[in-house]
Amino acid sequence: MEWYEALGLLLGAIMFLMALGMPVALAFLAANIIGAWIFMGGERGIGQLLNNGLGSLTTYALVPIPLFLLMGEIFFHTGLGGRMFNAIDKLLGRLPGRLSYVTVLGGTAFSTLSGSSMGSTALLGSLMVPEMAKRGYKSHMSIGPILGTGGLAIIIPPSALAVLLATLAQIDVGALLIAGVIPGLILATFYITTIWLQTKIDPDAAPAYDVDPMSITTKLKLLLTEVVPMVGVMVAIIVLMINGIVTPSEAAAFGAFGVLILAAVFRCLTWQTMKKSVVGALRVTLMAYLIVFGSATFSQLLAFSGASRGLVNWATSYDLAPLVMLLVMFGVLLLLGMFMEQISIMLLTVPIFFPLAQTLGFDPIWFGLIMLLALEISFTTPPFGLLLFVMKGVAPPGTTMREIYTSAFPFIGCSLLLVALLVAFPQIALWLPGL
């Protein structure tokens, strides 16, 4: 069988099973079993494939995923996230459009602790949009920052999706996590600048309103008790990893323990919240492990059938510049993001794109970050970006999809500008990991 026939068979089987409504992980597993029967010699090939797949689950690099997820679940269910948002809101005073800034500043901090863009968008949407609508904010001032900030969860550590991508691509987990710090802060700065410009162009988009005055002492106390401890957990994790004191797995354990201590100190840690946090983290972790299993076996089948080698040879046979190939891969990710969720896209593209990127001479950490940004942008790309529908679900009644689409465009532009900066100046991503 030619390589393109093998690739078409494997991808076609996955697409067909997903179209029937089968969960992504199970669709990959079923397609892999069919492929192993055809390419690896029947029952013996299936047994070998399953053994190899189980081996991929015993890697130490997967340990941060459940711990990062547990951090976010505790942060959400104990109400620590709500406390931080309220504190930032009070600290900004009468600043025009301050609730939009609260969304970016608080959302960036929450994203780092939750590691889930869907969870972040759902929380911010349910907390902030009704309040902003009540204050007379126009829809683009409330919905846009939330859609943008939800995507920051993908690149700012601790990001469970970044850990999963690094594991699937077999690159350094810690390096990819640290590589997202500076780009993530730059992106948050772009968002703040966008909000400032929107308030200057249309002051009525975010009307000012009176707030109770606060003394400097009260503000300082609020900052030290309600904001610094939460953000301090994320900063401590990054500093420990950058200095090589801990591995990503150990950093994740320290982070989960730190949020647990904070919840106990603030007296919001109960048996019920702990149970919800563990169950929520366990549910996502099991799906993530099934996905790793399916991806590992899928990669082996692509290699065994000759599909991955044939595809790389075919792609590199065209005398295209590496930048053009990067744009093609980026476009494919955006296109897939309109119809599929991120993990499914990673399963399909990582086994193909990373060998191709290596052939083109791209730094794997840099390319991994570009891929994460593409996934983030695809999540908010009309008409089918998943975050758009999450926002629709939590937005006030009467909010139209057109309003959500137009709100997303300026923040998509910010992300594309960051990608252009990373292509022009790769050291933005590679400087911290290089330390």
Protein backbone atom coordinates (compact mmCIF):
# COMPACT_ATOMS: atom_id res chain seq x y z
CA MET A 1 0.00 0.00 0.00
CA GLU A 2 1.32 3.45 -0.91
CA TRP A 3 1.98 5.93 1.93
CA TYR A 4 -0.90 8.20 0.89
CA GLU A 5 -3.30 5.25 0.83
CA ALA A 6 -2.20 4.24 4.32
CA LEU A 7 -2.55 7.82 5.57
CA GLY A 8 -5.97 8.19 3.93
CA LEU A 9 -7.14 4.91 5.47
CA LEU A 10 -6.06 5.86 9.01
CA LEU A 11 -7.34 9.44 8.91
CA GLY A 12 -10.51 8.43 7.10
CA ALA A 13 -11.33 5.80 9.74
CA ILE A 14 -10.84 8.35 12.53
CA MET A 15 -12.99 11.00 10.81
CA PHE A 16 -15.71 8.46 10.04
CA LEU A 17 -15.90 7.22 13.65
CA MET A 18 -15.90 10.78 15.02
CA ALA A 19 -18.70 11.70 12.58
CA LEU A 20 -20.72 8.82 14.05
CA GLY A 21 -20.42 10.50 17.46
CA MET A 22 -17.73 8.29 18.99
CA PRO A 23 -15.51 10.09 21.59
CA VAL A 24 -12.17 11.26 20.19
CA ALA A 25 -9.99 8.94 22.29
CA LEU A 26 -12.10 5.88 21.46
CA ALA A 27 -12.20 6.77 17.75
CA PHE A 28 -8.39 6.89 17.69
CA LEU A 29 -8.16 3.58 19.58
CA ALA A 30 -10.58 1.83 17.20
CA ALA A 31 -8.81 3.21 14.10
CA ASN A 32 -5.45 2.15 15.54
CA ILE A 33 -6.68 -1.40 16.07
CA ILE A 34 -7.91 -1.53 12.46
CA GLY A 35 -4.56 -0.14 11.26
CA ALA A 36 -2.57 -2.61 13.38
CA TRP A 37 -4.56 -5.52 11.94
CA ILE A 38 -3.81 -4.37 8.38
CA PHE A 39 -0.21 -3.14 8.69
CA MET A 40 1.26 -5.12 11.60
CA GLY A 41 0.06 -8.64 10.99
CA GLY A 42 -3.32 -9.23 12.62
CA GLU A 43 -3.68 -10.24 16.28
CA ARG A 44 0.06 -10.24 16.98
CA GLY A 45 0.33 -6.67 15.64
CA ILE A 46 -2.59 -5.51 17.80
CA GLY A 47 -0.96 -7.02 20.89
CA GLN A 48 2.35 -5.33 20.12
CA LEU A 49 0.63 -2.01 19.49
CA LEU A 50 -1.28 -2.15 22.80
CA ASN A 51 1.89 -3.01 24.72
CA ASN A 52 3.70 -0.06 23.18
CA GLY A 53 0.76 2.24 23.94
CA LEU A 54 0.66 1.19 27.60
CA GLY A 55 4.37 1.95 27.81
CA SER A 56 3.68 5.54 26.73
CA LEU A 57 1.46 6.04 29.80
CA THR A 58 4.25 5.24 32.27
CA THR A 59 6.35 8.28 31.34
CA TYR A 60 7.20 10.68 34.17
CA ALA A 61 6.39 13.66 31.92
CA LEU A 62 2.64 12.99 32.31
CA VAL A 63 2.66 13.57 36.08
CA PRO A 64 2.08 17.37 35.87
CA ILE A 65 -1.25 16.98 34.04
CA PRO A 66 -3.41 15.73 36.96
CA LEU A 67 -1.62 18.03 39.42
CA PHE A 68 -2.09 21.17 37.30
CA LEU A 69 -5.74 20.23 36.76
CA LEU A 70 -6.19 19.71 40.52
CA MET A 71 -4.71 23.18 41.13
CA GLY A 72 -7.29 24.77 38.87
CA GLU A 73 -10.20 22.80 40.28
CA ILE A 74 -9.34 23.75 43.87
CA PHE A 75 -8.85 27.37 42.83
CA PHE A 76 -12.30 27.39 41.19
CA HIS A 77 -14.41 25.37 43.65
CA THR A 78 -13.07 27.00 46.83
CA GLY A 79 -13.86 30.51 45.60
CA LEU A 80 -10.25 31.72 45.63
CA GLY A 81 -10.73 32.90 42.03
CA GLY A 82 -13.71 35.07 42.96
CA ARG A 83 -11.80 36.66 45.85
CA MET A 84 -8.94 37.61 43.54
CA PHE A 85 -11.27 39.18 40.94
CA ASN A 86 -13.09 41.23 43.57
CA ALA A 87 -9.79 42.49 44.98
CA ILE A 88 -8.43 43.58 41.57
CA ASP A 89 -11.76 45.29 40.84
CA LYS A 90 -11.49 47.39 44.03
CA LEU A 91 -7.82 48.20 43.47
CA LEU A 92 -8.41 49.78 40.04
CA GLY A 93 -10.80 52.44 41.38
CA ARG A 94 -12.61 54.64 38.81
CA LEU A 95 -10.40 53.71 35.84
CA PRO A 96 -12.50 53.88 32.60
CA GLY A 97 -13.28 50.36 31.42
CA ARG A 98 -11.84 48.95 34.64
CA LEU A 99 -13.97 45.80 34.57
CA SER A 100 -12.43 44.98 31.18
CA TYR A 101 -8.98 45.42 32.74
CA VAL A 102 -10.08 43.29 35.69
CA THR A 103 -11.01 40.58 33.22
CA VAL A 104 -7.55 40.61 31.61
CA LEU A 105 -5.51 40.97 34.83
CA GLY A 106 -7.56 38.58 36.93
CA GLY A 107 -8.18 36.25 34.00
CA THR A 108 -4.47 36.01 33.24
CA ALA A 109 -3.77 35.01 36.84
CA PHE A 110 -6.69 32.56 36.84
CA SER A 111 -5.63 31.08 33.51
CA THR A 112 -2.21 30.26 34.91
CA LEU A 113 -3.78 28.37 37.79
CA SER A 114 -6.60 26.67 35.89
CA GLY A 115 -4.70 25.73 32.73
CA SER A 116 -8.06 25.37 30.99
CA SER A 117 -9.22 27.93 28.44
CA MET A 118 -12.78 26.56 28.47
CA GLY A 119 -12.91 26.64 32.27
CA SER A 120 -11.43 30.12 32.32
CA THR A 121 -13.90 31.43 29.72
CA ALA A 122 -16.86 29.83 31.51
CA LEU A 123 -15.84 31.31 34.87
CA LEU A 124 -15.09 34.79 33.51
CA GLY A 125 -18.24 34.79 31.39
CA SER A 126 -20.52 33.85 34.27
CA LEU A 127 -18.81 36.22 36.73
CA MET A 128 -18.06 39.31 34.63
CA VAL A 129 -20.47 39.61 31.67
CA PRO A 130 -23.71 40.06 33.72
CA GLU A 131 -21.96 42.58 36.00
CA MET A 132 -20.54 44.53 33.04
CA ALA A 133 -23.90 44.54 31.26
CA LYS A 134 -25.49 45.92 34.43
CA ARG A 135 -22.89 48.72 34.45
CA GLY A 136 -23.72 49.70 30.86
CA TYR A 137 -20.70 48.17 29.11
CA LYS A 138 -21.13 47.45 25.42
CA SER A 139 -20.89 43.78 24.48
CA HIS A 140 -17.47 44.01 22.79
CA MET A 141 -15.96 45.46 26.00
CA SER A 142 -17.15 42.52 28.07
CA ILE A 143 -17.08 39.53 25.71
CA GLY A 144 -13.87 40.35 23.78
CA PRO A 145 -11.45 40.44 26.74
CA ILE A 146 -12.91 37.21 28.12
CA LEU A 147 -12.46 35.37 24.82
CA GLY A 148 -8.89 36.63 24.57
CA THR A 149 -7.93 35.93 28.16
CA GLY A 150 -9.34 32.41 28.03
CA GLY A 151 -6.75 31.60 25.39
CA LEU A 152 -3.90 32.75 27.67
CA ALA A 153 -4.47 29.56 29.67
CA ILE A 154 -2.92 27.62 26.80
CA ILE A 155 0.49 29.32 26.78
CA ILE A 156 1.10 30.68 30.30
CA PRO A 157 2.33 28.00 32.72
CA PRO A 158 1.06 25.92 34.34
CA SER A 159 -0.75 24.82 31.19
CA ALA A 160 -1.99 21.23 31.10
CA LEU A 161 -2.41 21.47 27.32
CA ALA A 162 1.26 22.51 26.93
CA VAL A 163 2.30 19.48 29.01
CA LEU A 164 0.17 17.24 26.80
CA LEU A 165 1.62 18.72 23.60
CA ALA A 166 5.20 18.34 24.88
CA THR A 167 4.50 14.73 25.84
CA LEU A 168 2.95 13.88 22.47
CA ALA A 169 5.78 15.61 20.59
CA GLN A 170 8.45 14.13 22.91
CA ILE A 171 10.04 17.51 23.68
CA ASP A 172 11.16 19.04 26.99
CA VAL A 173 8.03 19.74 29.07
CA GLY A 174 9.71 22.29 31.35
CA ALA A 175 11.22 24.20 28.43
CA LEU A 176 7.85 24.50 26.66
CA LEU A 177 6.13 25.66 29.84
CA ILE A 178 8.78 28.32 30.52
CA ALA A 179 8.82 29.41 26.86
CA GLY A 180 5.22 30.62 27.21
CA VAL A 181 5.91 33.08 30.05
CA ILE A 182 7.20 36.11 28.11
CA PRO A 183 4.88 35.65 25.07
CA GLY A 184 1.94 35.25 27.47
CA LEU A 185 2.76 38.50 29.27
CA ILE A 186 3.24 40.28 25.93
CA LEU A 187 -0.17 39.01 24.79
CA ALA A 188 -1.81 40.22 28.01
CA THR A 189 -0.18 43.64 27.42
CA PHE A 190 -1.58 43.71 23.86
CA TYR A 191 -5.04 43.01 25.29
CA ILE A 192 -4.75 45.86 27.82
CA THR A 193 -3.62 48.22 25.04
CA THR A 194 -6.59 47.14 22.89
CA ILE A 195 -9.02 47.90 25.72
CA TRP A 196 -7.41 51.32 26.29
CA LEU A 197 -7.76 52.15 22.60
CA GLN A 198 -11.40 51.03 22.59
CA THR A 199 -12.22 53.28 25.58
CA LYS A 200 -10.46 56.22 23.90
CA ILE A 201 -12.30 55.73 20.60
CA ASP A 202 -15.69 55.20 22.25
CA PRO A 203 -15.85 56.39 25.89
CA ASP A 204 -19.50 55.30 26.11
CA ALA A 205 -18.47 51.68 25.51
CA ALA A 206 -17.40 51.44 29.16
CA PRO A 207 -19.14 54.13 31.28
CA ALA A 208 -17.40 55.24 34.47
CA TYR A 209 -19.29 54.80 37.76
CA ASP A 210 -18.70 55.84 41.35
CA VAL A 211 -16.88 53.54 43.75
CA ASP A 212 -16.20 53.85 47.44
CA PRO A 213 -12.82 55.52 48.03
CA MET A 214 -10.13 53.40 49.65
CA SER A 215 -7.04 54.45 51.57
CA ILE A 216 -3.56 53.40 50.46
CA THR A 217 -3.30 51.19 53.55
CA THR A 218 -6.54 49.38 52.69
CA LYS A 219 -5.45 48.90 49.07
CA LEU A 220 -2.07 47.56 50.17
CA LYS A 221 -3.71 45.14 52.58
CA LEU A 222 -6.11 43.98 49.88
CA LEU A 223 -3.23 43.45 47.44
CA LEU A 224 -1.14 41.47 49.93
CA THR A 225 -3.97 39.28 51.20
CA GLU A 226 -6.18 38.67 48.15
CA VAL A 227 -3.93 38.94 45.06
CA VAL A 228 -0.28 38.29 45.93
CA PRO A 229 -0.84 34.81 47.47
CA MET A 230 -2.74 33.54 44.40
CA VAL A 231 -0.33 34.98 41.84
CA GLY A 232 2.60 34.04 44.07
CA VAL A 233 1.87 30.34 43.53
CA MET A 234 2.32 30.74 39.76
CA VAL A 235 5.45 32.90 40.14
CA ALA A 236 7.01 30.40 42.55
CA ILE A 237 6.42 27.54 40.11
CA ILE A 238 8.07 29.43 37.24
CA VAL A 239 11.05 30.59 39.33
CA LEU A 240 11.66 27.08 40.66
CA MET A 241 11.61 25.61 37.15
CA ILE A 242 13.78 28.33 35.59
CA ASN A 243 16.46 27.88 38.26
CA GLY A 244 16.43 24.10 37.81
CA ILE A 245 15.53 23.55 41.46
CA VAL A 246 12.55 21.33 40.58
CA THR A 247 11.32 19.38 37.57
CA PRO A 248 7.92 20.23 35.99
CA SER A 249 6.38 17.29 37.85
CA GLU A 250 7.74 18.49 41.20
CA ALA A 251 6.69 22.07 40.39
CA ALA A 252 3.15 20.84 39.70
CA ALA A 253 3.11 19.02 43.05
CA PHE A 254 4.31 22.15 44.88
CA GLY A 255 1.68 24.22 43.04
CA ALA A 256 -1.20 21.92 43.96
CA PHE A 257 0.03 21.82 47.57
CA GLY A 258 0.36 25.63 47.61
CA VAL A 259 -3.23 26.20 46.43
CA LEU A 260 -4.40 23.60 48.98
CA ILE A 261 -2.66 25.51 51.78
CA LEU A 262 -4.16 28.82 50.56
CA ALA A 263 -7.65 27.31 50.58
CA ALA A 264 -7.09 26.07 54.14
CA VAL A 265 -5.70 29.44 55.29
CA PHE A 266 -8.69 31.30 53.83
CA ARG A 267 -10.99 28.73 55.48
CA CYS A 268 -12.71 27.77 52.25
CA LEU A 269 -11.45 24.18 52.03
CA THR A 270 -14.29 21.78 52.78
CA TRP A 271 -14.83 18.10 52.17
CA GLN A 272 -17.38 18.94 49.47
CA THR A 273 -15.09 21.33 47.56
CA MET A 274 -12.22 18.83 47.80
CA LYS A 275 -14.44 16.05 46.46
CA LYS A 276 -15.58 18.21 43.51
CA SER A 277 -11.99 19.23 42.77
CA VAL A 278 -10.65 15.67 42.77
CA VAL A 279 -13.53 14.32 40.66
CA GLY A 280 -13.17 17.16 38.12
CA ALA A 281 -9.41 16.68 37.83
CA LEU A 282 -9.76 12.89 37.60
CA ARG A 283 -12.34 13.08 34.80
CA VAL A 284 -10.12 15.24 32.58
CA THR A 285 -6.97 13.29 33.49
CA LEU A 286 -8.46 9.97 32.41
CA MET A 287 -9.46 11.45 29.06
CA ALA A 288 -5.98 12.98 28.66
CA TYR A 289 -4.32 9.60 29.35
CA LEU A 290 -6.59 7.87 26.84
CA ILE A 291 -5.60 10.53 24.32
CA VAL A 292 -1.88 9.98 24.98
CA PHE A 293 -2.41 6.25 24.51
CA GLY A 294 -4.23 6.80 21.21
CA SER A 295 -1.64 9.28 19.96
CA ALA A 296 1.32 7.04 20.80
CA THR A 297 -0.15 4.10 18.92
CA PHE A 298 -1.22 6.35 16.02
CA SER A 299 2.33 7.71 15.67
CA GLN A 300 3.72 4.16 15.59
CA LEU A 301 1.24 3.15 12.90
CA LEU A 302 2.14 6.16 10.77
CA ALA A 303 5.81 5.22 11.05
CA PHE A 304 5.25 1.48 10.50
CA SER A 305 3.05 2.00 7.44
CA GLY A 306 5.51 4.51 5.96
CA ALA A 307 2.86 7.26 5.95
CA SER A 308 4.81 9.75 8.10
CA ARG A 309 8.06 9.30 6.14
CA GLY A 310 6.22 9.53 2.82
CA LEU A 311 4.36 12.66 3.87
CA VAL A 312 7.55 14.42 5.06
CA ASN A 313 9.35 13.46 1.84
CA TRP A 314 6.42 14.69 -0.23
CA ALA A 315 6.17 18.00 1.65
CA THR A 316 9.91 18.67 1.44
CA SER A 317 10.10 17.68 -2.23
CA TYR A 318 8.51 21.02 -3.09
CA ASP A 319 11.16 23.69 -2.99
CA LEU A 320 9.21 25.93 -0.61
CA ALA A 321 10.82 28.24 1.92
CA PRO A 322 10.53 27.08 5.58
CA LEU A 323 8.44 30.18 6.35
CA VAL A 324 5.92 29.23 3.65
CA MET A 325 5.66 25.71 5.08
CA LEU A 326 5.15 27.20 8.54
CA LEU A 327 2.30 29.35 7.19
CA VAL A 328 0.74 26.28 5.57
CA MET A 329 0.88 24.31 8.83
CA PHE A 330 -0.48 27.32 10.75
CA GLY A 331 -3.35 27.63 8.27
CA VAL A 332 -4.17 23.92 8.61
CA LEU A 333 -4.36 24.31 12.40
CA LEU A 334 -6.68 27.33 12.09
CA LEU A 335 -8.90 25.48 9.62
CA LEU A 336 -9.14 22.39 11.81
CA GLY A 337 -9.87 24.59 14.83
CA MET A 338 -13.10 25.73 13.22
CA PHE A 339 -14.48 22.19 13.35
CA MET A 340 -12.57 20.27 16.04
CA GLU A 341 -11.43 20.81 19.61
CA GLN A 342 -7.77 21.28 20.44
CA ILE A 343 -6.85 17.82 21.69
CA SER A 344 -8.29 16.19 18.58
CA ILE A 345 -6.23 18.57 16.44
CA MET A 346 -3.07 17.71 18.36
CA LEU A 347 -3.71 14.01 17.94
CA LEU A 348 -4.02 14.41 14.18
CA THR A 349 -1.22 16.88 13.55
CA VAL A 350 1.59 16.33 16.10
CA PRO A 351 2.78 13.02 14.58
CA ILE A 352 2.95 14.73 11.17
CA PHE A 353 3.94 18.33 11.91
CA PHE A 354 6.80 17.81 14.35
CA PRO A 355 8.87 15.51 12.10
CA LEU A 356 8.25 18.00 9.28
CA ALA A 357 9.29 20.93 11.51
CA GLN A 358 12.46 19.05 12.47
CA THR A 359 13.25 18.49 8.80
CA LEU A 360 12.78 22.22 8.14
CA GLY A 361 15.22 23.08 10.94
CA PHE A 362 12.71 24.67 13.35
CA ASP A 363 13.50 24.69 17.06
CA PRO A 364 11.01 22.20 18.59
CA ILE A 365 10.25 24.40 21.64
CA TRP A 366 9.64 27.45 19.44
CA PHE A 367 7.48 25.44 17.04
CA GLY A 368 5.55 23.95 19.98
CA LEU A 369 4.72 27.45 21.20
CA ILE A 370 3.66 28.54 17.69
CA MET A 371 1.41 25.50 17.55
CA LEU A 372 -0.13 26.34 20.95
CA LEU A 373 -0.83 29.87 19.74
CA ALA A 374 -2.44 28.51 16.57
CA LEU A 375 -4.67 26.30 18.72
CA GLU A 376 -5.54 29.29 20.90
CA ILE A 377 -6.46 31.42 17.88
CA SER A 378 -8.45 28.58 16.30
CA PHE A 379 -10.46 28.28 19.53
CA THR A 380 -11.88 31.78 18.99
CA THR A 381 -11.99 31.79 15.17
CA PRO A 382 -15.52 32.25 13.73
CA PRO A 383 -17.72 30.56 12.87
CA PHE A 384 -17.10 27.38 14.88
CA GLY A 385 -14.40 28.17 17.48
CA LEU A 386 -15.31 26.27 20.66
CA LEU A 387 -14.80 29.23 23.02
CA LEU A 388 -17.37 31.20 21.01
CA PHE A 389 -20.04 28.66 21.92
CA VAL A 390 -18.88 28.45 25.55
CA MET A 391 -19.30 32.23 25.70
CA LYS A 392 -22.74 31.98 24.09
CA GLY A 393 -23.73 29.53 26.82
CA VAL A 394 -22.80 31.86 29.71
CA ALA A 395 -23.62 35.24 28.09
CA PRO A 396 -26.83 37.09 29.04
CA PRO A 397 -30.00 36.15 27.11
CA GLY A 398 -30.27 38.02 23.83
CA THR A 399 -26.55 38.01 23.07
CA THR A 400 -26.16 37.10 19.40
CA MET A 401 -23.38 35.07 17.81
CA ARG A 402 -22.61 38.06 15.58
CA GLU A 403 -21.86 40.18 18.67
CA ILE A 404 -19.56 37.44 19.95
CA TYR A 405 -17.78 37.15 16.58
CA THR A 406 -17.14 40.90 16.26
CA SER A 407 -15.96 41.06 19.88
CA ALA A 408 -13.37 38.35 19.21
CA PHE A 409 -11.71 39.90 16.13
CA PRO A 410 -9.51 42.57 17.85
CA PHE A 411 -8.13 39.96 20.25
CA ILE A 412 -7.51 37.47 17.45
CA GLY A 413 -5.50 40.28 15.81
CA CYS A 414 -3.42 40.64 19.00
CA SER A 415 -2.59 36.92 18.93
CA LEU A 416 -1.62 37.05 15.25
CA LEU A 417 0.65 40.01 16.00
CA LEU A 418 2.37 37.95 18.71
CA VAL A 419 2.89 35.08 16.24
CA ALA A 420 4.49 37.52 13.80
CA LEU A 421 6.81 38.76 16.57
CA LEU A 422 7.80 35.20 17.46
CA VAL A 423 8.60 34.42 13.83
CA ALA A 424 10.67 37.60 13.50
CA PHE A 425 12.32 37.29 16.94
CA PRO A 426 12.37 33.64 18.10
CA GLN A 427 14.40 34.61 21.21
CA ILE A 428 11.20 36.02 22.74
CA ALA A 429 10.24 32.39 23.33
CA LEU A 430 13.68 30.81 23.62
CA TRP A 431 15.47 33.22 25.97
CA LEU A 432 13.97 31.96 29.26
CA PRO A 433 14.35 28.23 28.44
CA GLY A 434 17.93 29.01 27.39
CA LEU A 435 18.72 30.15 30.94
